[in-house]
N, C-alpha and C. Protein backbone atom coordinates (compact mmCIF):
# COMPACT_ATOMS: atom_id res chain seq x y z
N MET A 1 5.78 -3.76 0.98
CA MET A 1 5.18 -5.00 0.53
C MET A 1 4.79 -5.91 1.68
N GLY A 2 4.79 -5.38 2.88
CA GLY A 2 4.43 -6.19 4.03
C GLY A 2 3.01 -6.71 3.97
N GLY A 3 2.09 -5.89 3.48
CA GLY A 3 0.71 -6.34 3.35
C GLY A 3 0.59 -7.49 2.38
N MET A 4 1.32 -7.40 1.28
CA MET A 4 1.30 -8.47 0.29
C MET A 4 1.87 -9.76 0.89
N HIS A 5 2.94 -9.63 1.65
CA HIS A 5 3.51 -10.82 2.31
C HIS A 5 2.53 -11.41 3.33
N THR A 6 1.77 -10.57 3.98
CA THR A 6 0.79 -11.07 4.96
C THR A 6 -0.23 -11.98 4.28
N TRP A 7 -0.75 -11.56 3.13
CA TRP A 7 -1.69 -12.41 2.39
C TRP A 7 -1.03 -13.73 2.01
N LEU A 8 0.19 -13.66 1.51
CA LEU A 8 0.89 -14.87 1.08
C LEU A 8 1.17 -15.83 2.24
N TRP A 9 1.57 -15.27 3.39
CA TRP A 9 1.81 -16.13 4.56
C TRP A 9 0.52 -16.81 4.99
N GLY A 10 -0.59 -16.07 4.94
CA GLY A 10 -1.86 -16.67 5.31
C GLY A 10 -2.23 -17.85 4.45
N ILE A 11 -1.85 -17.81 3.19
CA ILE A 11 -2.13 -18.90 2.25
C ILE A 11 -1.12 -20.03 2.39
N ARG A 12 0.14 -19.68 2.48
CA ARG A 12 1.19 -20.70 2.48
C ARG A 12 1.36 -21.40 3.83
N TYR A 13 1.08 -20.70 4.92
CA TYR A 13 1.25 -21.25 6.26
C TYR A 13 -0.03 -21.01 7.06
N PRO A 14 -1.13 -21.62 6.67
CA PRO A 14 -2.44 -21.28 7.22
C PRO A 14 -2.63 -21.53 8.72
N THR A 15 -1.82 -22.36 9.33
CA THR A 15 -2.02 -22.64 10.76
C THR A 15 -0.91 -22.03 11.63
N MET A 16 -0.04 -21.25 11.05
CA MET A 16 1.12 -20.74 11.78
C MET A 16 0.83 -19.46 12.57
N MET A 17 -0.18 -18.71 12.23
CA MET A 17 -0.44 -17.41 12.85
C MET A 17 -1.73 -17.42 13.67
N ASP A 18 -1.74 -16.58 14.71
CA ASP A 18 -2.97 -16.38 15.48
C ASP A 18 -3.90 -15.42 14.76
N GLY A 19 -3.35 -14.52 13.98
CA GLY A 19 -4.14 -13.55 13.25
C GLY A 19 -3.27 -12.86 12.22
N LEU A 20 -3.91 -12.29 11.21
CA LEU A 20 -3.24 -11.61 10.11
C LEU A 20 -3.82 -10.21 9.95
N VAL A 21 -2.96 -9.22 9.71
CA VAL A 21 -3.43 -7.85 9.50
C VAL A 21 -2.68 -7.24 8.31
N PRO A 22 -3.15 -7.50 7.10
CA PRO A 22 -2.54 -6.85 5.94
C PRO A 22 -3.02 -5.39 5.85
N LEU A 23 -2.06 -4.50 5.73
CA LEU A 23 -2.35 -3.07 5.62
C LEU A 23 -2.08 -2.60 4.19
N ALA A 24 -2.97 -1.79 3.65
CA ALA A 24 -2.78 -1.15 2.34
C ALA A 24 -2.38 -2.16 1.27
N SER A 25 -3.13 -3.24 1.16
CA SER A 25 -2.77 -4.30 0.23
C SER A 25 -4.01 -5.03 -0.24
N LEU A 26 -4.06 -5.31 -1.53
CA LEU A 26 -5.16 -6.09 -2.08
C LEU A 26 -4.73 -7.54 -2.28
N PRO A 27 -5.63 -8.49 -2.05
CA PRO A 27 -5.27 -9.90 -2.23
C PRO A 27 -5.50 -10.39 -3.65
N THR A 28 -4.97 -9.65 -4.61
CA THR A 28 -5.09 -10.03 -6.01
C THR A 28 -3.92 -9.46 -6.78
N GLN A 29 -3.74 -9.92 -7.99
CA GLN A 29 -2.57 -9.50 -8.75
C GLN A 29 -2.55 -7.99 -8.99
N ILE A 30 -1.36 -7.46 -9.18
CA ILE A 30 -1.18 -6.05 -9.48
C ILE A 30 -1.59 -5.85 -10.93
N ALA A 31 -2.64 -5.08 -11.14
CA ALA A 31 -3.18 -4.89 -12.48
C ALA A 31 -3.69 -3.46 -12.62
N GLY A 32 -4.36 -3.19 -13.72
CA GLY A 32 -4.95 -1.88 -13.95
C GLY A 32 -3.94 -0.76 -13.83
N ARG A 33 -4.39 0.38 -13.31
CA ARG A 33 -3.53 1.57 -13.21
C ARG A 33 -2.29 1.31 -12.38
N ASN A 34 -2.42 0.53 -11.29
CA ASN A 34 -1.27 0.22 -10.45
C ASN A 34 -0.16 -0.41 -11.29
N ARG A 35 -0.49 -1.44 -12.07
CA ARG A 35 0.53 -2.10 -12.91
C ARG A 35 1.01 -1.16 -14.01
N MET A 36 0.10 -0.39 -14.59
CA MET A 36 0.51 0.52 -15.66
C MET A 36 1.54 1.53 -15.16
N ILE A 37 1.30 2.07 -13.99
CA ILE A 37 2.25 3.04 -13.44
C ILE A 37 3.57 2.36 -13.11
N ARG A 38 3.50 1.16 -12.54
CA ARG A 38 4.74 0.41 -12.28
C ARG A 38 5.49 0.16 -13.59
N ARG A 39 4.78 -0.20 -14.65
CA ARG A 39 5.40 -0.43 -15.95
C ARG A 39 6.06 0.86 -16.46
N MET A 40 5.36 1.99 -16.36
CA MET A 40 5.95 3.26 -16.80
C MET A 40 7.21 3.59 -16.01
N MET A 41 7.17 3.35 -14.70
CA MET A 41 8.33 3.63 -13.86
C MET A 41 9.50 2.73 -14.24
N MET A 42 9.24 1.44 -14.44
CA MET A 42 10.31 0.51 -14.81
C MET A 42 10.88 0.86 -16.18
N ASP A 43 10.00 1.16 -17.14
CA ASP A 43 10.47 1.52 -18.48
C ASP A 43 11.31 2.79 -18.44
N SER A 44 10.89 3.76 -17.63
CA SER A 44 11.66 5.02 -17.52
C SER A 44 13.05 4.76 -16.96
N ILE A 45 13.13 3.95 -15.92
CA ILE A 45 14.43 3.65 -15.31
C ILE A 45 15.31 2.87 -16.28
N ARG A 46 14.74 1.90 -16.96
CA ARG A 46 15.53 1.08 -17.89
C ARG A 46 16.04 1.89 -19.09
N SER A 47 15.22 2.83 -19.57
CA SER A 47 15.63 3.59 -20.75
C SER A 47 16.67 4.65 -20.43
N ASP A 48 16.64 5.18 -19.23
CA ASP A 48 17.61 6.22 -18.82
C ASP A 48 17.64 6.22 -17.30
N PRO A 49 18.55 5.43 -16.69
CA PRO A 49 18.52 5.27 -15.23
C PRO A 49 18.51 6.57 -14.43
N GLU A 50 19.23 7.59 -14.87
CA GLU A 50 19.28 8.82 -14.07
C GLU A 50 17.99 9.62 -14.19
N ARG A 51 17.62 10.00 -15.43
CA ARG A 51 16.38 10.76 -15.59
C ARG A 51 15.15 9.90 -15.34
N GLY A 52 15.27 8.62 -15.67
CA GLY A 52 14.14 7.72 -15.45
C GLY A 52 13.82 7.56 -13.98
N LEU A 53 14.86 7.57 -13.14
CA LEU A 53 14.62 7.49 -11.70
C LEU A 53 13.88 8.72 -11.22
N THR A 54 14.22 9.88 -11.75
CA THR A 54 13.50 11.11 -11.39
C THR A 54 12.02 10.98 -11.75
N ALA A 55 11.74 10.53 -12.97
CA ALA A 55 10.35 10.36 -13.41
C ALA A 55 9.62 9.33 -12.55
N ALA A 56 10.31 8.24 -12.23
CA ALA A 56 9.69 7.18 -11.42
C ALA A 56 9.36 7.69 -10.03
N LEU A 57 10.25 8.46 -9.44
CA LEU A 57 9.98 8.99 -8.10
C LEU A 57 8.84 10.01 -8.13
N GLN A 58 8.74 10.76 -9.21
CA GLN A 58 7.62 11.70 -9.33
C GLN A 58 6.29 10.95 -9.36
N LEU A 59 6.25 9.86 -10.12
CA LEU A 59 5.03 9.04 -10.15
C LEU A 59 4.76 8.41 -8.78
N LEU A 60 5.81 7.94 -8.13
CA LEU A 60 5.66 7.35 -6.80
C LEU A 60 5.05 8.37 -5.83
N PHE A 61 5.55 9.58 -5.87
CA PHE A 61 5.02 10.62 -4.98
C PHE A 61 3.52 10.81 -5.20
N MET A 62 3.10 10.90 -6.45
CA MET A 62 1.68 11.12 -6.73
C MET A 62 0.83 9.92 -6.32
N MET A 63 1.33 8.72 -6.51
CA MET A 63 0.55 7.53 -6.18
C MET A 63 0.44 7.27 -4.69
N THR A 64 1.44 7.65 -3.93
CA THR A 64 1.46 7.24 -2.52
C THR A 64 1.18 8.38 -1.55
N SER A 65 0.80 9.53 -2.05
CA SER A 65 0.50 10.65 -1.16
C SER A 65 -1.00 10.95 -1.20
N SER A 66 -1.38 11.98 -0.49
CA SER A 66 -2.80 12.31 -0.34
C SER A 66 -3.01 13.80 -0.62
N PRO A 67 -4.03 14.16 -1.40
CA PRO A 67 -4.27 15.57 -1.69
C PRO A 67 -4.45 16.44 -0.45
N LEU A 68 -5.18 15.93 0.56
CA LEU A 68 -5.37 16.74 1.77
C LEU A 68 -4.05 17.00 2.48
N ALA A 69 -3.20 15.97 2.57
CA ALA A 69 -1.90 16.13 3.22
C ALA A 69 -1.00 17.05 2.41
N GLN A 70 -1.03 16.92 1.09
CA GLN A 70 -0.20 17.78 0.24
C GLN A 70 -0.62 19.25 0.39
N GLN A 71 -1.93 19.48 0.42
CA GLN A 71 -2.42 20.86 0.56
C GLN A 71 -2.04 21.44 1.91
N ALA A 72 -2.16 20.63 2.96
CA ALA A 72 -1.80 21.10 4.30
C ALA A 72 -0.31 21.39 4.42
N ALA A 73 0.51 20.54 3.79
CA ALA A 73 1.96 20.71 3.87
C ALA A 73 2.46 21.86 3.01
N ALA A 74 1.71 22.20 1.97
CA ALA A 74 2.17 23.22 1.03
C ALA A 74 0.99 24.04 0.51
N PRO A 75 0.43 24.91 1.35
CA PRO A 75 -0.77 25.64 0.98
C PRO A 75 -0.55 26.81 0.02
N THR A 76 0.70 27.13 -0.31
CA THR A 76 0.96 28.20 -1.27
C THR A 76 1.84 27.66 -2.40
N ARG A 77 1.88 28.42 -3.49
CA ARG A 77 2.71 28.02 -4.63
C ARG A 77 4.16 27.83 -4.22
N ASP A 78 4.71 28.81 -3.51
CA ASP A 78 6.12 28.74 -3.13
C ASP A 78 6.39 27.57 -2.18
N GLU A 79 5.48 27.32 -1.25
CA GLU A 79 5.65 26.19 -0.34
C GLU A 79 5.55 24.86 -1.08
N ALA A 80 4.66 24.79 -2.07
CA ALA A 80 4.53 23.57 -2.87
C ALA A 80 5.81 23.32 -3.66
N ASP A 81 6.35 24.37 -4.28
CA ASP A 81 7.60 24.22 -5.04
C ASP A 81 8.74 23.78 -4.12
N ARG A 82 8.85 24.39 -2.96
CA ARG A 82 9.90 24.03 -2.01
C ARG A 82 9.72 22.59 -1.53
N PHE A 83 8.49 22.24 -1.18
CA PHE A 83 8.22 20.91 -0.66
C PHE A 83 8.65 19.83 -1.66
N ILE A 84 8.21 19.96 -2.92
CA ILE A 84 8.51 18.90 -3.89
C ILE A 84 9.99 18.91 -4.26
N ARG A 85 10.62 20.07 -4.31
CA ARG A 85 12.08 20.12 -4.56
C ARG A 85 12.83 19.36 -3.48
N GLU A 86 12.47 19.61 -2.21
CA GLU A 86 13.14 18.95 -1.10
C GLU A 86 12.84 17.45 -1.07
N TRP A 87 11.58 17.09 -1.33
CA TRP A 87 11.21 15.67 -1.34
C TRP A 87 11.99 14.93 -2.42
N MET A 88 12.04 15.51 -3.63
CA MET A 88 12.76 14.87 -4.73
C MET A 88 14.26 14.77 -4.44
N ALA A 89 14.85 15.84 -3.93
CA ALA A 89 16.28 15.82 -3.63
C ALA A 89 16.59 14.74 -2.60
N ASP A 90 15.78 14.65 -1.56
CA ASP A 90 15.99 13.63 -0.52
C ASP A 90 15.87 12.23 -1.09
N HIS A 91 14.83 11.98 -1.87
CA HIS A 91 14.61 10.63 -2.39
C HIS A 91 15.61 10.26 -3.49
N LEU A 92 16.01 11.21 -4.31
CA LEU A 92 17.02 10.92 -5.32
C LEU A 92 18.36 10.57 -4.65
N ALA A 93 18.66 11.24 -3.55
CA ALA A 93 19.93 11.00 -2.86
C ALA A 93 19.99 9.61 -2.22
N ARG A 94 18.84 9.04 -1.88
CA ARG A 94 18.88 7.77 -1.16
C ARG A 94 18.20 6.61 -1.89
N THR A 95 17.93 6.78 -3.19
CA THR A 95 17.30 5.72 -3.97
C THR A 95 18.23 5.25 -5.07
N ASP A 96 18.51 3.96 -5.06
CA ASP A 96 19.32 3.36 -6.11
C ASP A 96 18.38 2.89 -7.23
N ALA A 97 18.69 3.27 -8.46
CA ALA A 97 17.81 2.96 -9.58
C ALA A 97 17.60 1.44 -9.73
N ASN A 98 18.66 0.66 -9.62
CA ASN A 98 18.52 -0.80 -9.77
C ASN A 98 17.69 -1.41 -8.65
N ASP A 99 17.89 -0.94 -7.43
CA ASP A 99 17.12 -1.45 -6.31
C ASP A 99 15.64 -1.09 -6.48
N PHE A 100 15.37 0.13 -6.88
CA PHE A 100 13.98 0.57 -7.06
C PHE A 100 13.32 -0.22 -8.19
N LEU A 101 14.07 -0.45 -9.26
CA LEU A 101 13.56 -1.26 -10.36
C LEU A 101 13.18 -2.66 -9.88
N TYR A 102 14.03 -3.25 -9.07
CA TYR A 102 13.76 -4.57 -8.51
C TYR A 102 12.49 -4.53 -7.64
N GLN A 103 12.37 -3.50 -6.80
CA GLN A 103 11.19 -3.38 -5.94
C GLN A 103 9.91 -3.31 -6.77
N LEU A 104 9.94 -2.53 -7.83
CA LEU A 104 8.75 -2.37 -8.67
C LEU A 104 8.38 -3.67 -9.37
N ASP A 105 9.37 -4.41 -9.82
CA ASP A 105 9.12 -5.61 -10.60
C ASP A 105 8.86 -6.84 -9.73
N ALA A 106 9.18 -6.75 -8.44
CA ALA A 106 9.04 -7.91 -7.55
C ALA A 106 7.60 -8.39 -7.44
N SER A 107 6.64 -7.55 -7.73
CA SER A 107 5.23 -7.93 -7.58
C SER A 107 4.65 -8.54 -8.85
N ARG A 108 5.45 -8.76 -9.85
CA ARG A 108 4.94 -9.21 -11.15
C ARG A 108 4.14 -10.52 -11.08
N ASP A 109 4.48 -11.41 -10.14
CA ASP A 109 3.75 -12.67 -10.07
C ASP A 109 2.93 -12.81 -8.78
N TYR A 110 2.72 -11.70 -8.11
CA TYR A 110 1.91 -11.70 -6.88
C TYR A 110 0.44 -11.91 -7.25
N ASP A 111 -0.20 -12.91 -6.67
CA ASP A 111 -1.63 -13.11 -6.88
C ASP A 111 -2.18 -14.15 -5.91
N PRO A 112 -2.51 -13.74 -4.69
CA PRO A 112 -3.06 -14.68 -3.73
C PRO A 112 -4.53 -15.03 -3.98
N ALA A 113 -5.20 -14.33 -4.88
CA ALA A 113 -6.65 -14.51 -5.05
C ALA A 113 -7.09 -15.96 -5.28
N PRO A 114 -6.39 -16.74 -6.09
CA PRO A 114 -6.88 -18.11 -6.32
C PRO A 114 -6.91 -18.99 -5.08
N ALA A 115 -6.20 -18.60 -4.02
CA ALA A 115 -6.09 -19.48 -2.85
C ALA A 115 -6.60 -18.83 -1.56
N LEU A 116 -7.41 -17.83 -1.64
CA LEU A 116 -7.87 -17.13 -0.43
C LEU A 116 -8.60 -18.05 0.54
N GLU A 117 -9.25 -19.09 0.04
CA GLU A 117 -9.96 -20.01 0.92
C GLU A 117 -9.03 -20.79 1.84
N ARG A 118 -7.76 -20.83 1.54
CA ARG A 118 -6.79 -21.54 2.39
C ARG A 118 -6.51 -20.82 3.71
N ILE A 119 -6.78 -19.54 3.76
CA ILE A 119 -6.47 -18.76 4.96
C ILE A 119 -7.35 -19.25 6.11
N GLU A 120 -6.72 -19.67 7.20
CA GLU A 120 -7.45 -20.15 8.36
C GLU A 120 -7.42 -19.16 9.52
N ALA A 121 -6.37 -18.38 9.63
CA ALA A 121 -6.25 -17.43 10.73
C ALA A 121 -7.24 -16.28 10.54
N PRO A 122 -7.79 -15.77 11.64
CA PRO A 122 -8.61 -14.57 11.53
C PRO A 122 -7.79 -13.47 10.84
N LEU A 123 -8.46 -12.67 10.02
CA LEU A 123 -7.75 -11.67 9.23
C LEU A 123 -8.48 -10.35 9.29
N LEU A 124 -7.74 -9.29 9.49
CA LEU A 124 -8.26 -7.92 9.47
C LEU A 124 -7.49 -7.15 8.42
N ALA A 125 -8.12 -6.83 7.29
CA ALA A 125 -7.50 -6.04 6.24
C ALA A 125 -7.90 -4.58 6.44
N ILE A 126 -6.91 -3.69 6.41
CA ILE A 126 -7.17 -2.27 6.64
C ILE A 126 -6.57 -1.47 5.48
N ASP A 127 -7.36 -0.55 4.95
CA ASP A 127 -6.87 0.38 3.93
C ASP A 127 -7.52 1.74 4.17
N SER A 128 -7.00 2.71 3.49
CA SER A 128 -7.48 4.08 3.62
C SER A 128 -8.20 4.49 2.34
N ALA A 129 -9.28 5.22 2.47
CA ALA A 129 -10.09 5.61 1.31
C ALA A 129 -9.32 6.49 0.33
N ASP A 130 -8.24 7.12 0.77
CA ASP A 130 -7.46 7.97 -0.13
C ASP A 130 -6.22 7.26 -0.68
N ASP A 131 -6.20 5.93 -0.63
CA ASP A 131 -5.08 5.15 -1.15
C ASP A 131 -5.22 5.00 -2.67
N LEU A 132 -4.38 5.71 -3.41
CA LEU A 132 -4.44 5.64 -4.87
C LEU A 132 -3.78 4.38 -5.42
N VAL A 133 -2.96 3.70 -4.62
CA VAL A 133 -2.36 2.45 -5.06
C VAL A 133 -3.42 1.34 -5.06
N ASN A 134 -4.26 1.33 -4.03
CA ASN A 134 -5.33 0.34 -3.88
C ASN A 134 -6.67 1.07 -3.77
N PRO A 135 -7.12 1.70 -4.84
CA PRO A 135 -8.32 2.54 -4.74
C PRO A 135 -9.58 1.74 -4.40
N PRO A 136 -10.28 2.16 -3.34
CA PRO A 136 -11.46 1.40 -2.92
C PRO A 136 -12.58 1.40 -3.96
N GLU A 137 -12.61 2.38 -4.83
CA GLU A 137 -13.70 2.42 -5.81
C GLU A 137 -13.67 1.25 -6.79
N LEU A 138 -12.58 0.50 -6.83
CA LEU A 138 -12.54 -0.70 -7.68
C LEU A 138 -13.41 -1.82 -7.12
N GLY A 139 -13.71 -1.76 -5.83
CA GLY A 139 -14.57 -2.78 -5.22
C GLY A 139 -13.92 -4.15 -5.09
N LEU A 140 -12.62 -4.23 -5.21
CA LEU A 140 -11.94 -5.53 -5.16
C LEU A 140 -12.04 -6.18 -3.78
N MET A 141 -11.86 -5.41 -2.74
CA MET A 141 -11.94 -6.00 -1.39
C MET A 141 -13.33 -6.54 -1.11
N GLU A 142 -14.34 -5.82 -1.52
CA GLU A 142 -15.72 -6.27 -1.28
C GLU A 142 -15.99 -7.59 -2.01
N ARG A 143 -15.39 -7.78 -3.19
CA ARG A 143 -15.58 -9.02 -3.94
C ARG A 143 -14.74 -10.17 -3.38
N LEU A 144 -13.54 -9.88 -2.89
CA LEU A 144 -12.62 -10.94 -2.48
C LEU A 144 -12.74 -11.36 -1.02
N MET A 145 -13.04 -10.43 -0.13
CA MET A 145 -13.07 -10.74 1.31
C MET A 145 -14.07 -11.83 1.70
N PRO A 146 -15.22 -11.97 1.06
CA PRO A 146 -16.12 -13.06 1.45
C PRO A 146 -15.50 -14.45 1.31
N ARG A 147 -14.43 -14.56 0.55
CA ARG A 147 -13.76 -15.85 0.38
C ARG A 147 -12.79 -16.15 1.52
N VAL A 148 -12.55 -15.19 2.40
CA VAL A 148 -11.62 -15.36 3.52
C VAL A 148 -12.44 -15.65 4.78
N ARG A 149 -12.42 -16.90 5.22
CA ARG A 149 -13.13 -17.25 6.46
C ARG A 149 -12.56 -16.43 7.60
N GLY A 150 -13.40 -15.85 8.38
CA GLY A 150 -12.92 -15.06 9.51
C GLY A 150 -12.25 -13.76 9.07
N GLY A 151 -12.50 -13.34 7.84
CA GLY A 151 -11.90 -12.11 7.33
C GLY A 151 -12.80 -10.91 7.52
N ARG A 152 -12.18 -9.80 7.82
CA ARG A 152 -12.92 -8.54 7.99
C ARG A 152 -12.12 -7.44 7.30
N TYR A 153 -12.83 -6.49 6.72
CA TYR A 153 -12.21 -5.38 5.98
C TYR A 153 -12.64 -4.06 6.59
N VAL A 154 -11.67 -3.21 6.88
CA VAL A 154 -11.95 -1.87 7.39
C VAL A 154 -11.39 -0.87 6.39
N LEU A 155 -12.26 -0.01 5.91
CA LEU A 155 -11.85 1.09 5.03
C LEU A 155 -11.88 2.37 5.85
N LEU A 156 -10.71 2.90 6.14
CA LEU A 156 -10.61 4.12 6.93
C LEU A 156 -11.04 5.30 6.07
N PRO A 157 -11.86 6.20 6.60
CA PRO A 157 -12.27 7.35 5.80
C PRO A 157 -11.10 8.33 5.61
N THR A 158 -11.15 9.05 4.52
CA THR A 158 -10.15 10.09 4.28
C THR A 158 -10.32 11.20 5.31
N THR A 159 -9.23 11.55 5.95
CA THR A 159 -9.23 12.65 6.91
C THR A 159 -7.96 13.46 6.71
N GLU A 160 -7.82 14.51 7.47
CA GLU A 160 -6.58 15.29 7.42
C GLU A 160 -5.40 14.49 7.97
N ALA A 161 -5.67 13.43 8.71
CA ALA A 161 -4.60 12.61 9.29
C ALA A 161 -4.14 11.50 8.34
N THR A 162 -4.99 11.05 7.42
CA THR A 162 -4.59 9.97 6.52
C THR A 162 -3.59 10.49 5.50
N ARG A 163 -2.83 9.57 4.94
CA ARG A 163 -1.77 9.93 4.00
C ARG A 163 -1.80 9.02 2.77
N GLY A 164 -2.99 8.74 2.26
CA GLY A 164 -3.08 7.87 1.10
C GLY A 164 -2.50 6.51 1.40
N HIS A 165 -1.73 5.98 0.47
CA HIS A 165 -1.11 4.67 0.66
C HIS A 165 -0.22 4.66 1.90
N GLY A 166 0.37 5.79 2.22
CA GLY A 166 1.26 5.89 3.37
C GLY A 166 0.57 5.81 4.72
N THR A 167 -0.74 5.74 4.75
CA THR A 167 -1.46 5.65 6.02
C THR A 167 -1.05 4.38 6.78
N TYR A 168 -0.61 3.36 6.06
CA TYR A 168 -0.17 2.13 6.74
C TYR A 168 0.96 2.41 7.73
N SER A 169 1.72 3.47 7.52
CA SER A 169 2.84 3.76 8.42
C SER A 169 2.45 4.69 9.57
N LEU A 170 1.17 4.91 9.77
CA LEU A 170 0.67 5.77 10.84
C LEU A 170 -0.25 4.97 11.76
N PRO A 171 0.33 4.18 12.67
CA PRO A 171 -0.49 3.29 13.49
C PRO A 171 -1.54 4.00 14.35
N ALA A 172 -1.34 5.23 14.70
CA ALA A 172 -2.33 5.92 15.52
C ALA A 172 -3.69 5.97 14.82
N ILE A 173 -3.68 5.93 13.50
CA ILE A 173 -4.94 6.01 12.73
C ILE A 173 -5.69 4.68 12.76
N TRP A 174 -4.98 3.58 12.59
CA TRP A 174 -5.65 2.27 12.52
C TRP A 174 -5.52 1.45 13.80
N GLU A 175 -4.82 1.98 14.80
CA GLU A 175 -4.61 1.25 16.05
C GLU A 175 -5.90 0.80 16.74
N PRO A 176 -6.94 1.61 16.80
CA PRO A 176 -8.17 1.14 17.47
C PRO A 176 -8.73 -0.15 16.85
N HIS A 177 -8.64 -0.26 15.55
CA HIS A 177 -9.12 -1.47 14.86
C HIS A 177 -8.23 -2.67 15.19
N LEU A 178 -6.93 -2.43 15.25
CA LEU A 178 -6.00 -3.50 15.60
C LEU A 178 -6.22 -3.96 17.04
N ARG A 179 -6.38 -3.01 17.96
CA ARG A 179 -6.61 -3.37 19.36
C ARG A 179 -7.87 -4.22 19.53
N ALA A 180 -8.94 -3.83 18.85
CA ALA A 180 -10.19 -4.60 18.93
C ALA A 180 -10.00 -6.00 18.34
N PHE A 181 -9.26 -6.10 17.26
CA PHE A 181 -8.98 -7.39 16.63
C PHE A 181 -8.19 -8.29 17.58
N LEU A 182 -7.16 -7.72 18.21
CA LEU A 182 -6.35 -8.50 19.16
C LEU A 182 -7.17 -8.93 20.37
N ARG A 183 -8.04 -8.05 20.86
CA ARG A 183 -8.92 -8.43 21.99
C ARG A 183 -9.82 -9.58 21.59
N ASP A 184 -10.39 -9.51 20.38
CA ASP A 184 -11.26 -10.59 19.90
C ASP A 184 -10.51 -11.91 19.79
N LEU A 185 -9.21 -11.85 19.54
CA LEU A 185 -8.38 -13.04 19.46
C LEU A 185 -7.93 -13.52 20.84
N GLY A 186 -8.19 -12.71 21.87
CA GLY A 186 -7.73 -13.05 23.21
C GLY A 186 -6.25 -12.79 23.40
N LEU A 187 -5.69 -11.91 22.58
CA LEU A 187 -4.27 -11.57 22.66
C LEU A 187 -4.11 -10.22 23.34
N PRO A 188 -2.97 -9.96 23.95
CA PRO A 188 -2.74 -8.64 24.57
C PRO A 188 -2.84 -7.54 23.52
N SER A 189 -3.50 -6.49 23.88
CA SER A 189 -3.61 -5.37 22.93
C SER A 189 -2.97 -4.15 23.51
């Protein structure tokens, strides 16, 4: 939720930052398929915490991964079965149902869109074209970014290196854009 917090900080503390870089985050309320999937995950956990957590993690995996990365990691049936078994076992072992439920529901009142004009710091929003959580085909960034003075949006193309929503955790992919942004701000890059 760091990207979401970046938008909120830009609105709430407009003169506190030299620059803002929200990654994999839209500056509008969680709605559409994103909210629907969050609702299904929360309902599953609430109705049966043990099995519901399994279902919620399965949905999380599909929403936050990338088809190219999944195919590369598991190019055969047996490798795919092994991969998802291991991923699920790892995540079930380290995910608390109540904590995950809280994480999913924490965004229920997130909506910086009404106040985007308050942002004064230069802003660079970066997302990946294979991000199913914030799908670019919705056109939300193109509609909202003109309201952010000094705002710029970079949509990274889908490649074998991107990881859907998880691309935010791979700085080597978006680092060139960040370095250019920092240089433009006169900050060390």
